[in-house]
């Protein structure tokens, strides 16, 4: 995903369009790229909450509905070792 965004940025830079974007437009674009799953230009509550719920399920390794310190530590170690968050 990061490679795709970086490639898109390079293409934008070469076309000059990035120079015309404000910081707010770049932040909004990043926000919508992350949350607007159906790419309709709007972010629903479900679209907004889905990544957080997926991350919660990923971190809650014993699936008891509670994230404890051991699960957080395991998650952080996995990220430090180059893992990908869900």
PDB file of N, CA and C in Angstrom:
ATOM      1  N   UNK A   1       0.824  -1.195   0.000  1.00  0.00           N
ATOM      2  CA  UNK A   1       0.000   0.000   0.000  1.00  0.00           C
ATOM      3  C   UNK A   1       0.860   1.247   0.000  1.00  0.00           C
ATOM      4  N   UNK A   2       1.932   1.251   0.830  1.00  0.00           N
ATOM      5  CA  UNK A   2       2.805   2.412   0.888  1.00  0.00           C
ATOM      6  C   UNK A   2       3.510   2.627  -0.445  1.00  0.00           C
ATOM      7  N   UNK A   3       3.869   1.521  -1.119  1.00  0.00           N
ATOM      8  CA  UNK A   3       4.531   1.642  -2.412  1.00  0.00           C
ATOM      9  C   UNK A   3       3.598   2.268  -3.437  1.00  0.00           C
ATOM     10  N   UNK A   4       2.314   1.908  -3.379  1.00  0.00           N
ATOM     11  CA  UNK A   4       1.334   2.467  -4.310  1.00  0.00           C
ATOM     12  C   UNK A   4       1.173   3.961  -4.065  1.00  0.00           C
ATOM     13  N   UNK A   5       1.061   4.354  -2.792  1.00  0.00           N
ATOM     14  CA  UNK A   5       0.924   5.773  -2.474  1.00  0.00           C
ATOM     15  C   UNK A   5       2.165   6.553  -2.872  1.00  0.00           C
ATOM     16  N   UNK A   6       3.347   5.971  -2.664  1.00  0.00           N
ATOM     17  CA  UNK A   6       4.589   6.638  -3.037  1.00  0.00           C
ATOM     18  C   UNK A   6       4.666   6.805  -4.550  1.00  0.00           C
ATOM     19  N   UNK A   7       4.278   5.769  -5.290  1.00  0.00           N
ATOM     20  CA  UNK A   7       4.277   5.846  -6.748  1.00  0.00           C
ATOM     21  C   UNK A   7       3.311   6.911  -7.226  1.00  0.00           C
ATOM     22  N   UNK A   8       2.130   6.961  -6.625  1.00  0.00           N
ATOM     23  CA  UNK A   8       1.152   7.988  -6.999  1.00  0.00           C
ATOM     24  C   UNK A   8       1.691   9.381  -6.708  1.00  0.00           C
ATOM     25  N   UNK A   9       2.401   9.526  -5.597  1.00  0.00           N
ATOM     26  CA  UNK A   9       2.998  10.818  -5.262  1.00  0.00           C
ATOM     27  C   UNK A   9       4.042  11.213  -6.291  1.00  0.00           C
ATOM     28  N   UNK A  10       4.877  10.266  -6.696  1.00  0.00           N
ATOM     29  CA  UNK A  10       5.888  10.568  -7.707  1.00  0.00           C
ATOM     30  C   UNK A  10       5.258  10.980  -9.032  1.00  0.00           C
ATOM     31  N   UNK A  11       4.195  10.301  -9.417  1.00  0.00           N
ATOM     32  CA  UNK A  11       3.502  10.649 -10.654  1.00  0.00           C
ATOM     33  C   UNK A  11       2.909  12.049 -10.539  1.00  0.00           C
ATOM     34  N   UNK A  12       2.316  12.338  -9.385  1.00  0.00           N
ATOM     35  CA  UNK A  12       1.744  13.666  -9.180  1.00  0.00           C
ATOM     36  C   UNK A  12       2.808  14.748  -9.227  1.00  0.00           C
ATOM     37  N   UNK A  13       3.960  14.457  -8.631  1.00  0.00           N
ATOM     38  CA  UNK A  13       5.046  15.436  -8.643  1.00  0.00           C
ATOM     39  C   UNK A  13       5.514  15.709 -10.063  1.00  0.00           C
ATOM     40  N   UNK A  14       5.582  14.663 -10.881  1.00  0.00           N
ATOM     41  CA  UNK A  14       6.066  14.849 -12.237  1.00  0.00           C
ATOM     42  C   UNK A  14       5.068  15.616 -13.089  1.00  0.00           C
ATOM     43  N   UNK A  15       3.791  15.549 -12.744  1.00  0.00           N
ATOM     44  CA  UNK A  15       2.780  16.266 -13.527  1.00  0.00           C
ATOM     45  C   UNK A  15       2.564  17.685 -13.020  1.00  0.00           C
ATOM     46  N   UNK A  16       3.123  17.997 -11.856  1.00  0.00           N
ATOM     47  CA  UNK A  16       2.984  19.338 -11.308  1.00  0.00           C
ATOM     48  C   UNK A  16       1.719  19.539 -10.503  1.00  0.00           C
ATOM     49  N   UNK A  17       0.818  18.575 -10.444  1.00  0.00           N
ATOM     50  CA  UNK A  17      -0.447  18.760  -9.745  1.00  0.00           C
ATOM     51  C   UNK A  17      -0.269  18.836  -8.239  1.00  0.00           C
ATOM     52  N   UNK A  18       0.775  18.185  -7.713  1.00  0.00           N
ATOM     53  CA  UNK A  18       0.982  18.203  -6.266  1.00  0.00           C
ATOM     54  C   UNK A  18       1.302  19.612  -5.784  1.00  0.00           C
ATOM     55  N   UNK A  19       1.942  20.404  -6.619  1.00  0.00           N
ATOM     56  CA  UNK A  19       2.298  21.761  -6.232  1.00  0.00           C
ATOM     57  C   UNK A  19       1.062  22.622  -6.026  1.00  0.00           C
ATOM     58  N   UNK A  20      -0.043  22.237  -6.647  1.00  0.00           N
ATOM     59  CA  UNK A  20      -1.272  23.000  -6.543  1.00  0.00           C
ATOM     60  C   UNK A  20      -2.134  22.554  -5.366  1.00  0.00           C
ATOM     61  N   UNK A  21      -1.759  21.466  -4.696  1.00  0.00           N
ATOM     62  CA  UNK A  21      -2.542  20.954  -3.576  1.00  0.00           C
ATOM     63  C   UNK A  21      -2.111  21.632  -2.292  1.00  0.00           C
ATOM     64  N   UNK A  22      -3.073  21.945  -1.447  1.00  0.00           N
ATOM     65  CA  UNK A  22      -2.757  22.496  -0.127  1.00  0.00           C
ATOM     66  C   UNK A  22      -2.507  21.340   0.840  1.00  0.00           C
ATOM     67  N   UNK A  23      -1.952  21.657   1.998  1.00  0.00           N
ATOM     68  CA  UNK A  23      -1.754  20.643   3.024  1.00  0.00           C
ATOM     69  C   UNK A  23      -3.061  20.002   3.439  1.00  0.00           C
ATOM     70  N   UNK A  24      -4.130  20.815   3.526  1.00  0.00           N
ATOM     71  CA  UNK A  24      -5.445  20.284   3.895  1.00  0.00           C
ATOM     72  C   UNK A  24      -5.933  19.281   2.866  1.00  0.00           C
ATOM     73  N   UNK A  25      -5.733  19.569   1.592  1.00  0.00           N
ATOM     74  CA  UNK A  25      -6.177  18.649   0.547  1.00  0.00           C
ATOM     75  C   UNK A  25      -5.410  17.338   0.618  1.00  0.00           C
ATOM     76  N   UNK A  26      -4.104  17.416   0.921  1.00  0.00           N
ATOM     77  CA  UNK A  26      -3.314  16.192   1.016  1.00  0.00           C
ATOM     78  C   UNK A  26      -3.756  15.357   2.212  1.00  0.00           C
ATOM     79  N   UNK A  27      -4.028  16.003   3.348  1.00  0.00           N
ATOM     80  CA  UNK A  27      -4.496  15.275   4.529  1.00  0.00           C
ATOM     81  C   UNK A  27      -5.858  14.653   4.256  1.00  0.00           C
ATOM     82  N   UNK A  28      -6.756  15.421   3.659  1.00  0.00           N
ATOM     83  CA  UNK A  28      -8.090  14.895   3.343  1.00  0.00           C
ATOM     84  C   UNK A  28      -7.980  13.720   2.381  1.00  0.00           C
ATOM     85  N   UNK A  29      -7.113  13.835   1.401  1.00  0.00           N
ATOM     86  CA  UNK A  29      -6.935  12.738   0.446  1.00  0.00           C
ATOM     87  C   UNK A  29      -6.444  11.483   1.130  1.00  0.00           C
ATOM     88  N   UNK A  30      -5.500  11.633   2.029  1.00  0.00           N
ATOM     89  CA  UNK A  30      -4.984  10.490   2.770  1.00  0.00           C
ATOM     90  C   UNK A  30      -6.078   9.867   3.637  1.00  0.00           C
ATOM     91  N   UNK A  31      -6.868  10.716   4.288  1.00  0.00           N
ATOM     92  CA  UNK A  31      -7.976  10.248   5.118  1.00  0.00           C
ATOM     93  C   UNK A  31      -8.958   9.423   4.285  1.00  0.00           C
ATOM     94  N   UNK A  32      -9.362   9.957   3.154  1.00  0.00           N
ATOM     95  CA  UNK A  32     -10.333   9.256   2.312  1.00  0.00           C
ATOM     96  C   UNK A  32      -9.740   7.992   1.711  1.00  0.00           C
ATOM     97  N   UNK A  33      -8.465   8.006   1.360  1.00  0.00           N
ATOM     98  CA  UNK A  33      -7.833   6.791   0.845  1.00  0.00           C
ATOM     99  C   UNK A  33      -7.874   5.684   1.883  1.00  0.00           C
ATOM    100  N   UNK A  34      -7.750   6.053   3.154  1.00  0.00           N
ATOM    101  CA  UNK A  34      -7.730   5.051   4.217  1.00  0.00           C
ATOM    102  C   UNK A  34      -9.125   4.556   4.585  1.00  0.00           C
ATOM    103  N   UNK A  35     -10.092   5.463   4.675  1.00  0.00           N
ATOM    104  CA  UNK A  35     -11.401   5.104   5.227  1.00  0.00           C
ATOM    105  C   UNK A  35     -12.522   4.903   4.204  1.00  0.00           C
ATOM    106  N   UNK A  36     -12.504   5.588   3.089  1.00  0.00           N
ATOM    107  CA  UNK A  36     -13.613   5.546   2.132  1.00  0.00           C
ATOM    108  C   UNK A  36     -13.513   4.294   1.269  1.00  0.00           C
ATOM    109  N   UNK A  37     -13.954   3.169   1.836  1.00  0.00           N
ATOM    110  CA  UNK A  37     -13.774   1.863   1.186  1.00  0.00           C
ATOM    111  C   UNK A  37     -14.472   1.745  -0.166  1.00  0.00           C
ATOM    112  N   UNK A  38     -15.642   2.329  -0.321  1.00  0.00           N
ATOM    113  CA  UNK A  38     -16.346   2.214  -1.601  1.00  0.00           C
ATOM    114  C   UNK A  38     -16.047   3.394  -2.524  1.00  0.00           C
ATOM    115  N   UNK A  39     -15.178   4.274  -2.090  1.00  0.00           N
ATOM    116  CA  UNK A  39     -14.680   5.412  -2.874  1.00  0.00           C
ATOM    117  C   UNK A  39     -15.802   6.269  -3.453  1.00  0.00           C
ATOM    118  N   UNK A  40     -16.793   6.565  -2.594  1.00  0.00           N
ATOM    119  CA  UNK A  40     -17.900   7.418  -3.041  1.00  0.00           C
ATOM    120  C   UNK A  40     -17.738   8.859  -2.574  1.00  0.00           C
ATOM    121  N   UNK A  41     -16.585   9.181  -1.961  1.00  0.00           N
ATOM    122  CA  UNK A  41     -16.339  10.540  -1.507  1.00  0.00           C
ATOM    123  C   UNK A  41     -16.949  10.862  -0.160  1.00  0.00           C
ATOM    124  N   UNK A  42     -17.484   9.848   0.511  1.00  0.00           N
ATOM    125  CA  UNK A  42     -18.082  10.020   1.832  1.00  0.00           C
ATOM    126  C   UNK A  42     -17.604   8.879   2.726  1.00  0.00           C
ATOM    127  N   UNK A  43     -17.444   9.169   4.007  1.00  0.00           N
ATOM    128  CA  UNK A  43     -17.037   8.138   4.962  1.00  0.00           C
ATOM    129  C   UNK A  43     -18.183   7.903   5.931  1.00  0.00           C
ATOM    130  N   UNK A  44     -18.723   6.693   5.887  1.00  0.00           N
ATOM    131  CA  UNK A  44     -19.801   6.338   6.805  1.00  0.00           C
ATOM    132  C   UNK A  44     -19.209   5.925   8.156  1.00  0.00           C
ATOM    133  N   UNK A  45     -20.068   5.839   9.155  1.00  0.00           N
ATOM    134  CA  UNK A  45     -19.623   5.379  10.472  1.00  0.00           C
ATOM    135  C   UNK A  45     -19.002   3.995  10.362  1.00  0.00           C
ATOM    136  N   UNK A  46     -19.623   3.116   9.590  1.00  0.00           N
ATOM    137  CA  UNK A  46     -19.102   1.757   9.438  1.00  0.00           C
ATOM    138  C   UNK A  46     -17.726   1.776   8.779  1.00  0.00           C
ATOM    139  N   UNK A  47     -17.559   2.583   7.729  1.00  0.00           N
ATOM    140  CA  UNK A  47     -16.257   2.670   7.077  1.00  0.00           C
ATOM    141  C   UNK A  47     -15.199   3.202   8.050  1.00  0.00           C
ATOM    142  N   UNK A  48     -15.583   4.162   8.876  1.00  0.00           N
ATOM    143  CA  UNK A  48     -14.651   4.762   9.821  1.00  0.00           C
ATOM    144  C   UNK A  48     -14.241   3.775  10.912  1.00  0.00           C
ATOM    145  N   UNK A  49     -15.198   2.996  11.411  1.00  0.00           N
ATOM    146  CA  UNK A  49     -14.929   2.090  12.525  1.00  0.00           C
ATOM    147  C   UNK A  49     -14.327   0.754  12.103  1.00  0.00           C
ATOM    148  N   UNK A  50     -14.527   0.331  10.872  1.00  0.00           N
ATOM    149  CA  UNK A  50     -14.065  -0.979  10.427  1.00  0.00           C
ATOM    150  C   UNK A  50     -12.567  -1.198  10.633  1.00  0.00           C
ATOM    151  N   UNK A  51     -11.683  -0.275  10.234  1.00  0.00           N
ATOM    152  CA  UNK A  51     -10.252  -0.530  10.466  1.00  0.00           C
ATOM    153  C   UNK A  51      -9.913  -0.696  11.946  1.00  0.00           C
ATOM    154  N   UNK A  52     -10.560   0.075  12.810  1.00  0.00           N
ATOM    155  CA  UNK A  52     -10.301  -0.046  14.248  1.00  0.00           C
ATOM    156  C   UNK A  52     -10.774  -1.391  14.770  1.00  0.00           C
ATOM    157  N   UNK A  53     -11.925  -1.834  14.314  1.00  0.00           N
ATOM    158  CA  UNK A  53     -12.439  -3.134  14.761  1.00  0.00           C
ATOM    159  C   UNK A  53     -11.543  -4.265  14.258  1.00  0.00           C
ATOM    160  N   UNK A  54     -11.079  -4.147  13.022  1.00  0.00           N
ATOM    161  CA  UNK A  54     -10.171  -5.169  12.489  1.00  0.00           C
ATOM    162  C   UNK A  54      -8.880  -5.209  13.292  1.00  0.00           C
ATOM    163  N   UNK A  55      -8.369  -4.050  13.655  1.00  0.00           N
ATOM    164  CA  UNK A  55      -7.141  -3.980  14.442  1.00  0.00           C
ATOM    165  C   UNK A  55      -7.376  -4.578  15.836  1.00  0.00           C
ATOM    166  N   UNK A  56      -8.536  -4.288  16.439  1.00  0.00           N
ATOM    167  CA  UNK A  56      -8.857  -4.839  17.751  1.00  0.00           C
ATOM    168  C   UNK A  56      -8.869  -6.358  17.696  1.00  0.00           C
ATOM    169  N   UNK A  57      -9.545  -6.912  16.696  1.00  0.00           N
ATOM    170  CA  UNK A  57      -9.625  -8.371  16.556  1.00  0.00           C
ATOM    171  C   UNK A  57      -8.232  -8.964  16.362  1.00  0.00           C
ATOM    172  N   UNK A  58      -7.395  -8.274  15.607  1.00  0.00           N
ATOM    173  CA  UNK A  58      -6.033  -8.728  15.346  1.00  0.00           C
ATOM    174  C   UNK A  58      -5.204  -8.739  16.635  1.00  0.00           C
ATOM    175  N   UNK A  59      -5.300  -7.678  17.439  1.00  0.00           N
ATOM    176  CA  UNK A  59      -4.510  -7.575  18.663  1.00  0.00           C
ATOM    177  C   UNK A  59      -5.035  -8.525  19.737  1.00  0.00           C
ATOM    178  N   UNK A  60      -6.358  -8.711  19.808  1.00  0.00           N
ATOM    179  CA  UNK A  60      -6.995  -9.588  20.800  1.00  0.00           C
ATOM    180  C   UNK A  60      -6.775 -11.046  20.390  1.00  0.00           C
ATOM    181  N   UNK A  61      -5.554 -11.518  20.574  1.00  0.00           N
ATOM    182  CA  UNK A  61      -5.155 -12.823  20.042  1.00  0.00           C
ATOM    183  C   UNK A  61      -5.907 -14.005  20.639  1.00  0.00           C
ATOM    184  N   UNK A  62      -6.401 -13.894  21.866  1.00  0.00           N
ATOM    185  CA  UNK A  62      -7.171 -15.007  22.438  1.00  0.00           C
ATOM    186  C   UNK A  62      -8.674 -14.824  22.247  1.00  0.00           C
ATOM    187  N   UNK A  63      -9.060 -13.744  21.570  1.00  0.00           N
ATOM    188  CA  UNK A  63     -10.457 -13.478  21.175  1.00  0.00           C
ATOM    189  C   UNK A  63     -11.440 -13.503  22.348  1.00  0.00           C
ATOM    190  N   UNK A  64     -11.008 -12.902  23.463  1.00  0.00           N
ATOM    191  CA  UNK A  64     -11.900 -12.835  24.618  1.00  0.00           C
ATOM    192  C   UNK A  64     -12.616 -11.485  24.713  1.00  0.00           C
ATOM    193  N   UNK A  65     -12.405 -10.621  23.726  1.00  0.00           N
ATOM    194  CA  UNK A  65     -13.060  -9.323  23.720  1.00  0.00           C
ATOM    195  C   UNK A  65     -12.362  -8.276  24.568  1.00  0.00           C
ATOM    196  N   UNK A  66     -11.178  -8.614  25.076  1.00  0.00           N
ATOM    197  CA  UNK A  66     -10.399  -7.702  25.914  1.00  0.00           C
ATOM    198  C   UNK A  66      -8.951  -7.745  25.439  1.00  0.00           C
ATOM    199  N   UNK A  67      -8.340  -6.562  25.316  1.00  0.00           N
ATOM    200  CA  UNK A  67      -6.917  -6.500  24.985  1.00  0.00           C
ATOM    201  C   UNK A  67      -6.164  -6.255  26.282  1.00  0.00           C
ATOM    202  N   UNK A  68      -5.270  -7.185  26.619  1.00  0.00           N
ATOM    203  CA  UNK A  68      -4.472  -7.014  27.842  1.00  0.00           C
ATOM    204  C   UNK A  68      -3.038  -6.622  27.478  1.00  0.00           C
ATOM    205  N   UNK A  69      -2.234  -6.381  28.497  1.00  0.00           N
ATOM    206  CA  UNK A  69      -0.859  -5.933  28.290  1.00  0.00           C
ATOM    207  C   UNK A  69      -0.014  -6.907  27.490  1.00  0.00           C
ATOM    208  N   UNK A  70      -0.217  -8.203  27.714  1.00  0.00           N
ATOM    209  CA  UNK A  70       0.546  -9.208  26.959  1.00  0.00           C
ATOM    210  C   UNK A  70       0.227  -9.142  25.474  1.00  0.00           C
ATOM    211  N   UNK A  71      -1.037  -8.935  25.146  1.00  0.00           N
ATOM    212  CA  UNK A  71      -1.430  -8.846  23.744  1.00  0.00           C
ATOM    213  C   UNK A  71      -0.879  -7.577  23.096  1.00  0.00           C
ATOM    214  N   UNK A  72      -0.880  -6.484  23.839  1.00  0.00           N
ATOM    215  CA  UNK A  72      -0.310  -5.230  23.325  1.00  0.00           C
ATOM    216  C   UNK A  72       1.187  -5.405  23.084  1.00  0.00           C
ATOM    217  N   UNK A  73       1.884  -6.014  24.052  1.00  0.00           N
ATOM    218  CA  UNK A  73       3.319  -6.244  23.888  1.00  0.00           C
ATOM    219  C   UNK A  73       3.611  -7.122  22.685  1.00  0.00           C
ATOM    220  N   UNK A  74       2.832  -8.175  22.517  1.00  0.00           N
ATOM    221  CA  UNK A  74       3.026  -9.063  21.366  1.00  0.00           C
ATOM    222  C   UNK A  74       2.789  -8.319  20.056  1.00  0.00           C
ATOM    223  N   UNK A  75       1.771  -7.472  20.032  1.00  0.00           N
ATOM    224  CA  UNK A  75       1.466  -6.684  18.839  1.00  0.00           C
ATOM    225  C   UNK A  75       2.611  -5.723  18.520  1.00  0.00           C
ATOM    226  N   UNK A  76       3.092  -5.013  19.530  1.00  0.00           N
ATOM    227  CA  UNK A  76       4.182  -4.051  19.321  1.00  0.00           C
ATOM    228  C   UNK A  76       5.438  -4.769  18.831  1.00  0.00           C
ATOM    229  N   UNK A  77       5.767  -5.901  19.442  1.00  0.00           N
ATOM    230  CA  UNK A  77       6.936  -6.663  18.991  1.00  0.00           C
ATOM    231  C   UNK A  77       6.795  -7.098  17.537  1.00  0.00           C
ATOM    232  N   UNK A  78       5.600  -7.536  17.183  1.00  0.00           N
ATOM    233  CA  UNK A  78       5.355  -7.958  15.802  1.00  0.00           C
ATOM    234  C   UNK A  78       5.544  -6.786  14.844  1.00  0.00           C
ATOM    235  N   UNK A  79       5.071  -5.604  15.222  1.00  0.00           N
ATOM    236  CA  UNK A  79       5.223  -4.419  14.369  1.00  0.00           C
ATOM    237  C   UNK A  79       6.699  -4.021  14.252  1.00  0.00           C
ATOM    238  N   UNK A  80       7.431  -4.109  15.369  1.00  0.00           N
ATOM    239  CA  UNK A  80       8.848  -3.771  15.359  1.00  0.00           C
ATOM    240  C   UNK A  80       9.665  -4.731  14.495  1.00  0.00           C
ATOM    241  N   UNK A  81       9.154  -5.944  14.356  1.00  0.00           N
ATOM    242  CA  UNK A  81       9.834  -6.947  13.537  1.00  0.00           C
ATOM    243  C   UNK A  81       9.379  -6.903  12.088  1.00  0.00           C
ATOM    244  N   UNK A  82       8.638  -5.877  11.730  1.00  0.00           N
ATOM    245  CA  UNK A  82       8.225  -5.707  10.337  1.00  0.00           C
ATOM    246  C   UNK A  82       6.886  -6.300   9.991  1.00  0.00           C
ATOM    247  N   UNK A  83       6.099  -6.656  10.983  1.00  0.00           N
ATOM    248  CA  UNK A  83       4.760  -7.186  10.721  1.00  0.00           C
ATOM    249  C   UNK A  83       3.843  -6.100  10.190  1.00  0.00           C
ATOM    250  N   UNK A  84       2.740  -6.509   9.643  1.00  0.00           N
ATOM    251  CA  UNK A  84       1.758  -5.581   9.096  1.00  0.00           C
ATOM    252  C   UNK A  84       0.504  -5.574   9.942  1.00  0.00           C
ATOM    253  N   UNK A  85       0.095  -4.406  10.453  1.00  0.00           N
ATOM    254  CA  UNK A  85      -1.155  -4.350  11.218  1.00  0.00           C
ATOM    255  C   UNK A  85      -2.337  -4.630  10.317  1.00  0.00           C
ATOM    256  N   UNK A  86      -3.343  -5.188  10.880  1.00  0.00           N
ATOM    257  CA  UNK A  86      -4.550  -5.494  10.103  1.00  0.00           C
ATOM    258  C   UNK A  86      -5.484  -4.327  10.130  1.00  0.00           C
TER     259      UNK A  86
END
